[in-house]
C-alpha cells in the first residue's frame, strides 16, 4: 500500500492546522491493512487519509486474511496514526450457509463488543457491509452509547442473497432481516451509497434523502497509470508477449457471469493468439477452470493468484482489454469496483451486464468499451475479434476510460468527500443541501 503526499493520504500524523472532524472516528470491517481484499484496501485508504487530516482514527477488524487462511494479524497495533483492534476469526471462509451464518454471528458479536468497549458518546461509527447486515449488529450499540452511525454500503443484503437464490431468504426470514436492516439505515446519521442506482434503492426503502449521499469507490490512480502492454514484464514472465490478452482482475464471485465469456472462448478456440487471463480468486474461479477444461480450452486460459499490491499497476496493464460483469438482477445492489482500476490503466472494457446498468451507461456515454448482454457469447467473441484488428480504436477507448476516471472518479475526490461528510456529522450540520455538497 502506498501513501501519497499529493493525495493527503500520508503515513504520518497530520501537521498543525489541518481540519479535524472534532470527534473520534471508529471504522469497522472484516478486513483491514495489510489485507489485500477490496473492502479492506478501501477502508485502509480512508483510515490513513483521515489520520493524515488530524482525525483520531480507530479501526475494528477481523484478525484473519482474505486470501490466506493461515495468516493471522496482530490483535492490537498502531500504524500511521491509526489504532487497530482485531478480533479472532476463523482461519477459513466457510462454504455452507449454516457455517457461514455462525461465522457472521461470531463477527457481529465480536465487533459489537469491541465497539461498545472502546467508544464514547459522540464518536462517529463508520460501518461497512462485510460481513453482510453489519449495520444491524452495530445499530443497538450506536443507540445505547449515543454514537453517530454512518453505514458505508458496498452492497444491499438480504436483497443480494435473495437475487442469488440463497435458500430460506425469500420468505419470512428475509423479510424480517430487511425490516431490521431498514431500521438501521433510517436510524443512522448517514448512509453512503457507492452509486446513484444504489441511492435510488435506499430512497425506495423510505430512507430519508437527507440521510443518503453517493461517494464512489476508487482505485490507486496515482500508482495505476497507463503502461504499454508490449513492455510489461508480467506479459513476458507469463509468456503473453505475442498474444492478444483478455483480462480479468479481482474476485470472480456469484454476482458475476462467467458463462458468457466461456461461450465466447469456445467460439474463438481456433484463434490461438487470444488468451484469457485471470488474476485473483473467488467462488466461480474453479467452475470457470473446470468449464474451460471440459471444453478443451485449457491452452487459451491462464490463472494467477492475487498479486502483491506493488505489482497491481503492472497486472492491470497486462491485458489488452478487460472484461467485467454483474448479474442484471443485482443492479442497484452492487457496483463493480473493478471498473475504476481498469479505467486507471487506460484499458477498454467489455461490460457483461444489463444495458441500462450504472457501469454500462458510463461505458457507452464515454465510449470506453462495449456493453454485452449476459448470454451473448457471439457478441462477446465478435467484439474481441474486431478490437484485435483495430489497435487505434483500442487506444482511443483506453484514453477515454482514463479521462473518465480523472474527471469523475479520482481517489482524492472521494476521500475528500468522506472528510466533508464526517466533518458535517461531527458538527451536527448534515442537513438539507449539505448532503448534496458531499456527493461525488
Protein backbone atom coordinates (compact mmCIF):
# COMPACT_ATOMS: atom_id res chain seq x y z
CA UNK A 1 0.00 0.00 0.00
CA UNK A 2 1.30 3.43 -0.87
CA UNK A 3 0.54 6.77 0.71
CA UNK A 4 0.93 9.85 -1.48
CA UNK A 5 1.59 13.34 -0.16
CA UNK A 6 -0.29 14.85 -3.07
CA UNK A 7 -3.39 12.88 -2.11
CA UNK A 8 -3.21 13.90 1.53
CA UNK A 9 -3.01 10.23 2.49
CA UNK A 10 0.39 10.22 4.12
CA UNK A 11 1.50 7.65 6.64
CA UNK A 12 2.41 10.32 9.16
CA UNK A 13 0.46 12.32 11.70
CA UNK A 14 -1.19 15.47 10.39
CA UNK A 15 0.55 18.75 10.92
CA UNK A 16 -0.97 21.60 12.85
CA UNK A 17 -3.67 23.49 11.01
CA UNK A 18 -5.25 20.56 9.23
CA UNK A 19 -9.04 20.40 9.52
CA UNK A 20 -10.37 17.98 12.13
CA UNK A 21 -13.58 16.03 12.39
CA UNK A 22 -13.75 17.02 16.04
CA UNK A 23 -14.65 13.53 17.33
CA UNK A 24 -13.03 10.17 17.15
CA UNK A 25 -13.86 8.08 14.10
CA UNK A 26 -14.23 4.30 14.50
CA UNK A 27 -14.28 2.25 11.29
CA UNK A 28 -15.48 -1.36 11.26
CA UNK A 29 -14.99 -4.02 8.58
CA UNK A 30 -13.92 -7.65 8.44
CA UNK A 31 -10.66 -6.79 6.65
CA UNK A 32 -8.07 -4.05 7.03
CA UNK A 33 -4.46 -3.30 6.09
CA UNK A 34 -2.28 -5.16 5.29
CA UNK A 35 -5.03 -7.41 3.95
CA UNK A 36 -5.49 -7.20 0.15
CA UNK A 37 -9.26 -7.60 -0.13
CA UNK A 38 -11.11 -4.83 -1.97
CA UNK A 39 -13.13 -3.74 1.07
CA UNK A 40 -10.02 -3.86 3.26
CA UNK A 41 -7.99 -1.75 0.86
CA UNK A 42 -10.63 0.97 0.63
CA UNK A 43 -11.18 1.07 4.38
CA UNK A 44 -7.41 1.33 4.82
CA UNK A 45 -7.20 4.19 2.34
CA UNK A 46 -9.90 6.08 4.21
CA UNK A 47 -8.47 5.39 7.67
CA UNK A 48 -4.97 6.56 6.78
CA UNK A 49 -6.29 9.58 4.89
CA UNK A 50 -8.39 10.68 7.88
CA UNK A 51 -5.43 10.18 10.21
CA UNK A 52 -3.39 12.34 7.86
CA UNK A 53 -6.02 15.05 8.25
CA UNK A 54 -5.62 15.06 12.02
CA UNK A 55 -8.54 12.79 12.94
CA UNK A 56 -8.37 10.35 15.86
CA UNK A 57 -8.94 7.16 13.88
CA UNK A 58 -9.66 3.71 15.28
CA UNK A 59 -10.34 0.52 13.31
CA UNK A 60 -12.06 -2.66 14.46
CA UNK A 61 -11.46 -5.57 12.07
CA UNK A 62 -11.04 -9.30 11.95
CA UNK A 63 -7.65 -10.87 12.56
CA UNK A 64 -7.83 -13.21 9.56
CA UNK A 65 -6.69 -12.57 5.99
CA UNK A 66 -8.98 -12.70 2.97
CA UNK A 67 -6.88 -14.98 0.76
CA UNK A 68 -4.57 -16.74 3.23
CA UNK A 69 -6.37 -18.79 5.92
CA UNK A 70 -3.08 -19.42 7.75
CA UNK A 71 -2.27 -15.73 8.17
CA UNK A 72 -3.39 -14.01 11.40
CA UNK A 73 -2.70 -10.32 12.04
CA UNK A 74 -1.84 -8.88 15.48
CA UNK A 75 -4.73 -8.25 17.85
CA UNK A 76 -3.70 -4.69 18.59
CA UNK A 77 -1.31 -2.31 16.87
CA UNK A 78 -0.93 1.26 15.67
CA UNK A 79 0.01 2.03 12.07
CA UNK A 80 0.44 5.53 10.66
CA UNK A 81 -1.59 7.10 13.44
CA UNK A 82 -4.45 4.58 13.20
CA UNK A 83 -5.24 2.44 16.26
CA UNK A 84 -6.26 -1.06 15.16
CA UNK A 85 -8.08 -3.69 17.23
CA UNK A 86 -8.66 -7.07 15.66
CA UNK A 87 -10.93 -9.84 16.85
CA UNK A 88 -10.32 -13.54 16.36
CA UNK A 89 -11.92 -15.05 13.27
CA UNK A 90 -11.97 -18.50 11.75
CA UNK A 91 -8.98 -19.44 9.65
CA UNK A 92 -11.07 -20.38 6.67
CA UNK A 93 -14.08 -18.89 4.96
CA UNK A 94 -16.93 -21.38 5.44
CA UNK A 95 -18.79 -22.51 2.36
CA UNK A 96 -22.01 -23.92 3.78
CA UNK A 97 -24.83 -21.50 4.59
CA UNK A 98 -25.15 -22.68 8.19
CA UNK A 99 -21.41 -22.43 8.85
CA UNK A 100 -21.32 -19.01 7.25
CA UNK A 101 -24.22 -17.85 9.41
CA UNK A 102 -22.37 -19.00 12.53
CA UNK A 103 -19.25 -17.19 11.40
CA UNK A 104 -21.23 -13.99 10.79
CA UNK A 105 -22.86 -14.19 14.21
CA UNK A 106 -19.45 -14.55 15.82
CA UNK A 107 -18.19 -11.49 13.92
CA UNK A 108 -21.29 -9.46 14.78
CA UNK A 109 -20.85 -10.25 18.46
CA UNK A 110 -17.13 -9.51 18.45
CA UNK A 111 -17.47 -6.24 16.55
CA UNK A 112 -20.36 -5.06 18.74
CA UNK A 113 -18.47 -5.82 21.95
CA UNK A 114 -15.33 -4.05 20.76
CA UNK A 115 -17.34 -1.02 19.64
CA UNK A 116 -19.16 -0.92 22.98
CA UNK A 117 -15.92 -1.17 24.98
CA UNK A 118 -13.90 1.39 23.11
CA UNK A 119 -16.44 4.04 22.02
CA UNK A 120 -17.73 7.06 23.84
CA UNK A 121 -20.74 9.31 23.31
CA UNK A 122 -20.45 11.41 20.16
CA UNK A 123 -17.98 9.15 18.34
CA UNK A 124 -18.61 8.60 14.66
CA UNK A 125 -19.03 4.90 13.84
CA UNK A 126 -18.41 4.05 10.16
CA UNK A 127 -19.78 0.56 9.44
CA UNK A 128 -19.12 -1.30 6.18
CA UNK A 129 -21.09 -4.26 4.88
CA UNK A 130 -18.60 -7.10 5.38
CA UNK A 131 -19.99 -9.26 6.84
CA UNK A 132 -23.44 -8.54 5.40
CA UNK A 133 -26.00 -6.74 7.58
CA UNK A 134 -23.27 -5.47 9.88
CA UNK A 135 -25.20 -2.22 10.35
CA UNK A 136 -27.90 -4.19 12.20
CA UNK A 137 -25.40 -5.54 14.74
CA UNK A 138 -23.88 -2.12 15.44
CA UNK A 139 -27.09 -0.08 15.50
CA UNK A 140 -28.06 -1.08 19.10
CA UNK A 141 -24.55 -0.16 20.26
CA UNK A 142 -24.79 3.19 18.49
CA UNK A 143 -28.13 3.93 20.17
CA UNK A 144 -27.01 2.81 23.62
CA UNK A 145 -23.67 4.67 23.52
CA UNK A 146 -25.08 7.68 21.63
CA UNK A 147 -22.77 7.23 18.67
CA UNK A 148 -23.27 8.71 15.21
CA UNK A 149 -23.51 5.72 12.89
CA UNK A 150 -22.55 6.01 9.22
CA UNK A 151 -23.33 3.00 7.02
CA UNK A 152 -20.89 2.57 4.14
CA UNK A 153 -22.90 0.37 1.79
CA UNK A 154 -20.90 -1.76 -0.61
CA UNK A 155 -23.98 -3.90 -1.25
CA UNK A 156 -27.53 -4.35 -0.02
CA UNK A 157 -28.42 -7.51 1.86
CA UNK A 158 -30.64 -9.52 2.09
CA UNK A 159 -31.65 -8.45 -1.44
CA UNK A 160 -28.34 -9.68 -2.88
CA UNK A 161 -28.78 -13.09 -1.26
CA UNK A 162 -32.37 -13.32 -2.49
CA UNK A 163 -31.30 -12.42 -6.04
CA UNK A 164 -28.62 -15.12 -5.91
CA UNK A 165 -31.16 -17.72 -4.80
CA UNK A 166 -29.94 -18.30 -1.24
CA UNK A 167 -32.35 -20.76 0.32
CA UNK A 168 -34.63 -19.52 3.07
CA UNK A 169 -34.35 -15.78 2.41
CA UNK A 170 -37.32 -15.34 0.10
CA UNK A 171 -39.81 -15.85 2.92
CA UNK A 172 -40.35 -14.57 6.46
CA UNK A 173 -36.66 -14.69 7.44
CA UNK A 174 -35.65 -12.48 4.53
CA UNK A 175 -38.45 -10.00 5.22
CA UNK A 176 -37.53 -9.84 8.90
CA UNK A 177 -33.88 -9.18 8.06
CA UNK A 178 -34.88 -6.47 5.60
CA UNK A 179 -37.01 -4.72 8.22
CA UNK A 180 -34.16 -4.83 10.72
CA UNK A 181 -31.71 -3.57 8.10
CA UNK A 182 -34.08 -0.76 7.08
CA UNK A 183 -34.37 0.35 10.69
CA UNK A 184 -30.58 0.55 10.95
CA UNK A 185 -30.47 2.67 7.79
CA UNK A 186 -33.20 5.06 8.87
CA UNK A 187 -31.68 5.41 12.32
CA UNK A 188 -28.18 6.21 11.04
CA UNK A 189 -26.71 9.68 10.77
CA UNK A 190 -25.81 8.97 7.13
CA UNK A 191 -25.89 6.15 4.57
CA UNK A 192 -23.15 6.31 1.94
CA UNK A 193 -24.09 4.58 -1.31
CA UNK A 194 -21.44 3.85 -3.94
CA UNK A 195 -23.66 4.62 -6.93
CA UNK A 196 -26.74 6.58 -7.91
CA UNK A 197 -28.74 3.43 -8.57
CA UNK A 198 -27.95 2.19 -5.06
CA UNK A 199 -29.02 5.52 -3.60
CA UNK A 200 -32.31 5.20 -5.52
CA UNK A 201 -32.80 1.82 -3.86
CA UNK A 202 -32.30 3.42 -0.45
CA UNK A 203 -34.87 6.10 -1.20
CA UNK A 204 -37.33 3.40 -2.28
CA UNK A 205 -36.92 1.90 1.21
CA UNK A 206 -38.05 5.22 2.72
CA UNK A 207 -34.59 6.14 3.93
CA UNK A 208 -34.73 9.97 4.20
CA UNK A 209 -32.98 11.83 1.38
CA UNK A 210 -31.02 13.90 3.90
CA UNK A 211 -29.56 10.66 5.30
CA UNK A 212 -28.14 9.48 1.97
CA UNK A 213 -25.29 10.52 -0.27
CA UNK A 214 -23.17 9.00 -3.03
CA UNK A 215 -19.40 8.63 -2.69
CA UNK A 216 -17.94 6.41 -5.37
CA UNK A 217 -15.34 3.75 -4.70
CA UNK A 218 -11.87 4.30 -6.08
CA UNK A 219 -8.52 2.82 -7.03
CA UNK A 220 -4.95 3.98 -6.52
CA UNK A 221 -4.97 6.27 -9.54
CA UNK A 222 -1.54 7.72 -8.73
CA UNK A 223 0.14 4.32 -8.90
CA UNK A 224 -2.04 2.75 -11.63
CA UNK A 225 -1.19 4.64 -14.80
CA UNK A 226 -1.32 3.64 -18.47
CA UNK A 227 1.61 1.44 -19.49
CA UNK A 228 2.22 -0.14 -22.90
CA UNK A 229 1.36 -3.83 -22.87
CA UNK A 230 4.37 -4.64 -25.02
CA UNK A 231 6.85 -3.51 -22.36
CA UNK A 232 5.04 -5.06 -19.39
CA UNK A 233 7.36 -7.50 -17.57
CA UNK A 234 4.42 -9.64 -16.45
CA UNK A 235 3.48 -10.35 -20.05
CA UNK A 236 6.99 -11.59 -20.65
CA UNK A 237 7.02 -13.66 -17.46
CA UNK A 238 3.65 -15.22 -18.30
CA UNK A 239 4.59 -15.80 -21.99
CA UNK A 240 1.97 -13.41 -23.29
CA UNK A 241 4.23 -11.09 -25.26
CA UNK A 242 2.81 -12.12 -28.64
CA UNK A 243 -0.79 -12.68 -27.50
CA UNK A 244 -3.98 -10.64 -27.54
CA UNK A 245 -4.96 -10.76 -23.89
CA UNK A 246 -8.48 -10.51 -22.48
CA UNK A 247 -8.06 -9.93 -18.76
CA UNK A 248 -9.99 -10.18 -15.51
CA UNK A 249 -8.60 -8.92 -12.20
CA UNK A 250 -10.03 -9.46 -8.73
CA UNK A 251 -12.82 -11.55 -7.27
CA UNK A 252 -14.99 -13.69 -9.55
CA UNK A 253 -17.96 -14.33 -7.29
CA UNK A 254 -21.55 -15.43 -7.58
CA UNK A 255 -22.61 -11.93 -8.64
CA UNK A 256 -20.56 -12.28 -11.82
CA UNK A 257 -21.42 -14.10 -15.03
CA UNK A 258 -18.55 -16.16 -16.42
CA UNK A 259 -20.58 -18.35 -18.78
CA UNK A 260 -20.86 -15.65 -21.46
CA UNK A 261 -17.08 -15.38 -21.61
CA UNK A 262 -16.67 -19.16 -21.60
CA UNK A 263 -19.00 -19.39 -24.57
CA UNK A 264 -17.00 -16.70 -26.38
CA UNK A 265 -13.78 -18.59 -25.69
CA UNK A 266 -15.31 -21.71 -27.24
CA UNK A 267 -16.22 -19.72 -30.36
CA UNK A 268 -12.65 -18.40 -30.54
CA UNK A 269 -10.94 -21.75 -29.89
CA UNK A 270 -9.10 -21.61 -33.23
CA UNK A 271 -7.71 -18.10 -32.58
CA UNK A 272 -4.50 -19.26 -30.92
CA UNK A 273 -3.19 -15.75 -30.29
CA UNK A 274 -6.15 -14.88 -28.00
CA UNK A 275 -5.62 -15.70 -24.31
CA UNK A 276 -7.98 -15.20 -21.38
CA UNK A 277 -6.04 -14.10 -18.31
CA UNK A 278 -7.46 -14.32 -14.76
CA UNK A 279 -5.70 -12.72 -11.80
CA UNK A 280 -7.45 -13.20 -8.47
CA UNK A 281 -9.86 -15.65 -6.92
CA UNK A 282 -13.46 -16.17 -5.92
CA UNK A 283 -16.17 -18.81 -5.79
CA UNK A 284 -16.53 -19.01 -9.57
CA UNK A 285 -12.87 -19.42 -10.49
CA UNK A 286 -12.83 -23.19 -10.12
CA UNK A 287 -16.09 -23.51 -12.05
CA UNK A 288 -14.61 -21.47 -14.88
CA UNK A 289 -11.41 -23.51 -14.82
CA UNK A 290 -13.39 -26.76 -14.88
CA UNK A 291 -15.63 -25.45 -17.65
CA UNK A 292 -12.66 -24.48 -19.79
CA UNK A 293 -11.06 -27.88 -19.25
CA UNK A 294 -14.31 -29.68 -20.16
CA UNK A 295 -14.41 -27.76 -23.44
CA UNK A 296 -10.75 -28.44 -24.19
CA UNK A 297 -9.82 -24.77 -23.84
CA UNK A 298 -7.01 -25.07 -21.28
CA UNK A 299 -4.44 -23.59 -23.66
CA UNK A 300 -6.50 -20.41 -24.03
CA UNK A 301 -6.69 -19.68 -20.29
CA UNK A 302 -4.19 -18.59 -17.68
CA UNK A 303 -5.00 -18.36 -13.97
CA UNK A 304 -2.83 -16.50 -11.48
CA UNK A 305 -3.45 -15.73 -7.79
CA UNK A 306 -3.82 -12.25 -6.35
CA UNK A 307 -0.61 -10.33 -6.93
CA UNK A 308 1.29 -8.25 -4.41
CA UNK A 309 -0.09 -4.70 -4.22
CA UNK A 310 3.14 -3.34 -5.64
CA UNK A 311 2.52 -5.34 -8.84
CA UNK A 312 -1.07 -4.14 -9.34
CA UNK A 313 -0.04 -1.35 -11.77
CA UNK A 314 1.63 -3.99 -13.94
CA UNK A 315 -1.07 -6.64 -13.63
CA UNK A 316 -3.89 -4.26 -14.58
CA UNK A 317 -1.92 -3.13 -17.63
CA UNK A 318 -1.02 -6.67 -18.72
CA UNK A 319 -4.25 -7.30 -20.71
CA UNK A 320 -5.05 -5.56 -23.98
CA UNK A 321 -8.68 -5.38 -22.87
CA UNK A 322 -10.56 -6.20 -19.66
CA UNK A 323 -13.99 -7.58 -19.03
CA UNK A 324 -16.22 -7.19 -16.01
CA UNK A 325 -19.72 -8.37 -15.25
CA UNK A 326 -22.71 -8.10 -12.97
CA UNK A 327 -25.85 -10.20 -13.00
CA UNK A 328 -28.73 -7.95 -14.16
CA UNK A 329 -30.84 -8.69 -11.09
CA UNK A 330 -28.11 -7.18 -8.91
CA UNK A 331 -28.16 -3.71 -10.46
CA UNK A 332 -28.55 -1.14 -7.72
CA UNK A 333 -27.43 -3.66 -5.10
CA UNK A 334 -23.75 -3.84 -6.12
CA UNK A 335 -21.45 -1.62 -8.20
CA UNK A 336 -18.42 -3.44 -9.69
CA UNK A 337 -15.34 -1.67 -8.30
CA UNK A 338 -13.12 -3.30 -10.94
CA UNK A 339 -14.28 -0.54 -13.25
CA UNK A 340 -12.02 2.04 -11.59
CA UNK A 341 -8.79 0.08 -11.86
CA UNK A 342 -9.48 -0.79 -15.49
CA UNK A 343 -10.11 2.86 -16.30
CA UNK A 344 -6.96 3.95 -14.44
CA UNK A 345 -4.92 1.53 -16.59
CA UNK A 346 -6.49 3.08 -19.70
CA UNK A 347 -7.81 -0.22 -20.98
CA UNK A 348 -11.07 -0.63 -22.91
CA UNK A 349 -13.57 -2.91 -21.25
CA UNK A 350 -16.33 -5.33 -22.16
CA UNK A 351 -19.14 -4.96 -19.64
CA UNK A 352 -21.36 -8.05 -19.44
CA UNK A 353 -24.39 -6.66 -17.64
CA UNK A 354 -27.78 -5.02 -18.03
CA UNK A 355 -27.64 -2.42 -20.80
CA UNK A 356 -29.11 0.27 -18.54
CA UNK A 357 -26.97 -0.53 -15.51
CA UNK A 358 -24.83 2.12 -13.84
CA UNK A 359 -21.48 0.99 -15.26
CA UNK A 360 -22.99 0.14 -18.65
CA UNK A 361 -24.27 3.70 -19.02
CA UNK A 362 -20.82 5.10 -18.25
CA UNK A 363 -19.14 2.76 -20.74
CA UNK A 364 -21.46 3.88 -23.52
CA UNK A 365 -21.53 7.55 -22.61
CA UNK A 366 -17.75 7.91 -22.51
CA UNK A 367 -17.02 5.44 -25.31
CA UNK A 368 -14.57 3.39 -23.29
CA UNK A 369 -15.74 -0.10 -24.22
CA UNK A 370 -18.71 -2.23 -25.17
CA UNK A 371 -21.77 -3.49 -23.32
CA UNK A 372 -22.74 -7.12 -23.92
CA UNK A 373 -25.95 -8.71 -22.68
CA UNK A 374 -25.40 -11.74 -20.43
CA UNK A 375 -25.62 -14.86 -22.60
CA UNK A 376 -24.49 -13.12 -25.80
CA UNK A 377 -21.30 -15.10 -26.29
CA UNK A 378 -21.32 -14.45 -30.03
CA UNK A 379 -21.40 -10.70 -29.46
CA UNK A 380 -18.56 -11.04 -26.95
CA UNK A 381 -16.47 -13.00 -29.45
CA UNK A 382 -17.20 -10.55 -32.30
CA UNK A 383 -16.11 -7.63 -30.11
CA UNK A 384 -12.81 -9.30 -29.25
CA UNK A 385 -12.06 -10.04 -32.91
CA UNK A 386 -12.94 -6.51 -34.01
CA UNK A 387 -10.79 -4.90 -31.33
CA UNK A 388 -7.85 -7.18 -32.06
CA UNK A 389 -7.76 -5.82 -35.58
CA UNK A 390 -8.12 -2.14 -34.66
CA UNK A 391 -5.39 -1.05 -32.25
CA UNK A 392 -6.09 2.64 -32.87
CA UNK A 393 -9.64 2.11 -31.67
CA UNK A 394 -8.34 0.32 -28.58
CA UNK A 395 -6.04 3.23 -27.77
CA UNK A 396 -8.86 5.75 -28.17
CA UNK A 397 -11.19 3.85 -25.85
CA UNK A 398 -8.38 3.44 -23.34
CA UNK A 399 -7.72 7.18 -23.30
CA UNK A 400 -11.44 7.80 -22.88
CA UNK A 401 -11.52 5.47 -19.88
CA UNK A 402 -8.66 7.27 -18.16
CA UNK A 403 -10.20 10.67 -18.92
CA UNK A 404 -13.46 9.49 -17.33
CA UNK A 405 -11.60 8.42 -14.20
CA UNK A 406 -9.63 11.65 -13.98
CA UNK A 407 -12.74 13.72 -14.46
CA UNK A 408 -15.23 11.98 -12.18
CA UNK A 409 -13.69 9.21 -10.05
CA UNK A 410 -10.38 10.33 -8.59
CA UNK A 411 -9.39 8.73 -5.32
CA UNK A 412 -8.54 12.11 -3.84
CA UNK A 413 -12.03 13.45 -4.57
CA UNK A 414 -13.77 10.51 -2.90
CA UNK A 415 -11.56 10.70 0.18
CA UNK A 416 -12.15 14.43 0.49
CA UNK A 417 -15.89 13.85 0.15
CA UNK A 418 -15.67 11.42 3.05
CA UNK A 419 -13.85 14.02 5.10
CA UNK A 420 -16.54 16.62 4.33
CA UNK A 421 -19.25 14.16 5.32
CA UNK A 422 -17.66 13.23 8.62
CA UNK A 423 -16.86 16.84 9.41
CA UNK A 424 -20.50 17.77 8.84
CA UNK A 425 -21.68 14.90 11.05
CA UNK A 426 -19.21 15.88 13.73
CA UNK A 427 -20.61 19.42 13.70
CA UNK A 428 -24.23 18.18 13.57
CA UNK A 429 -24.53 20.05 10.28
CA UNK A 430 -25.57 17.24 7.94
CA UNK A 431 -28.95 18.53 6.81
CA UNK A 432 -30.56 19.51 3.53
CA UNK A 433 -28.16 20.87 0.98
CA UNK A 434 -25.10 19.70 2.94
CA UNK A 435 -25.76 16.18 1.65
CA UNK A 436 -25.75 17.35 -1.97
CA UNK A 437 -22.41 19.08 -1.44
CA UNK A 438 -20.90 15.74 -0.34
CA UNK A 439 -21.98 13.68 -3.35
CA UNK A 440 -19.24 12.86 -5.83
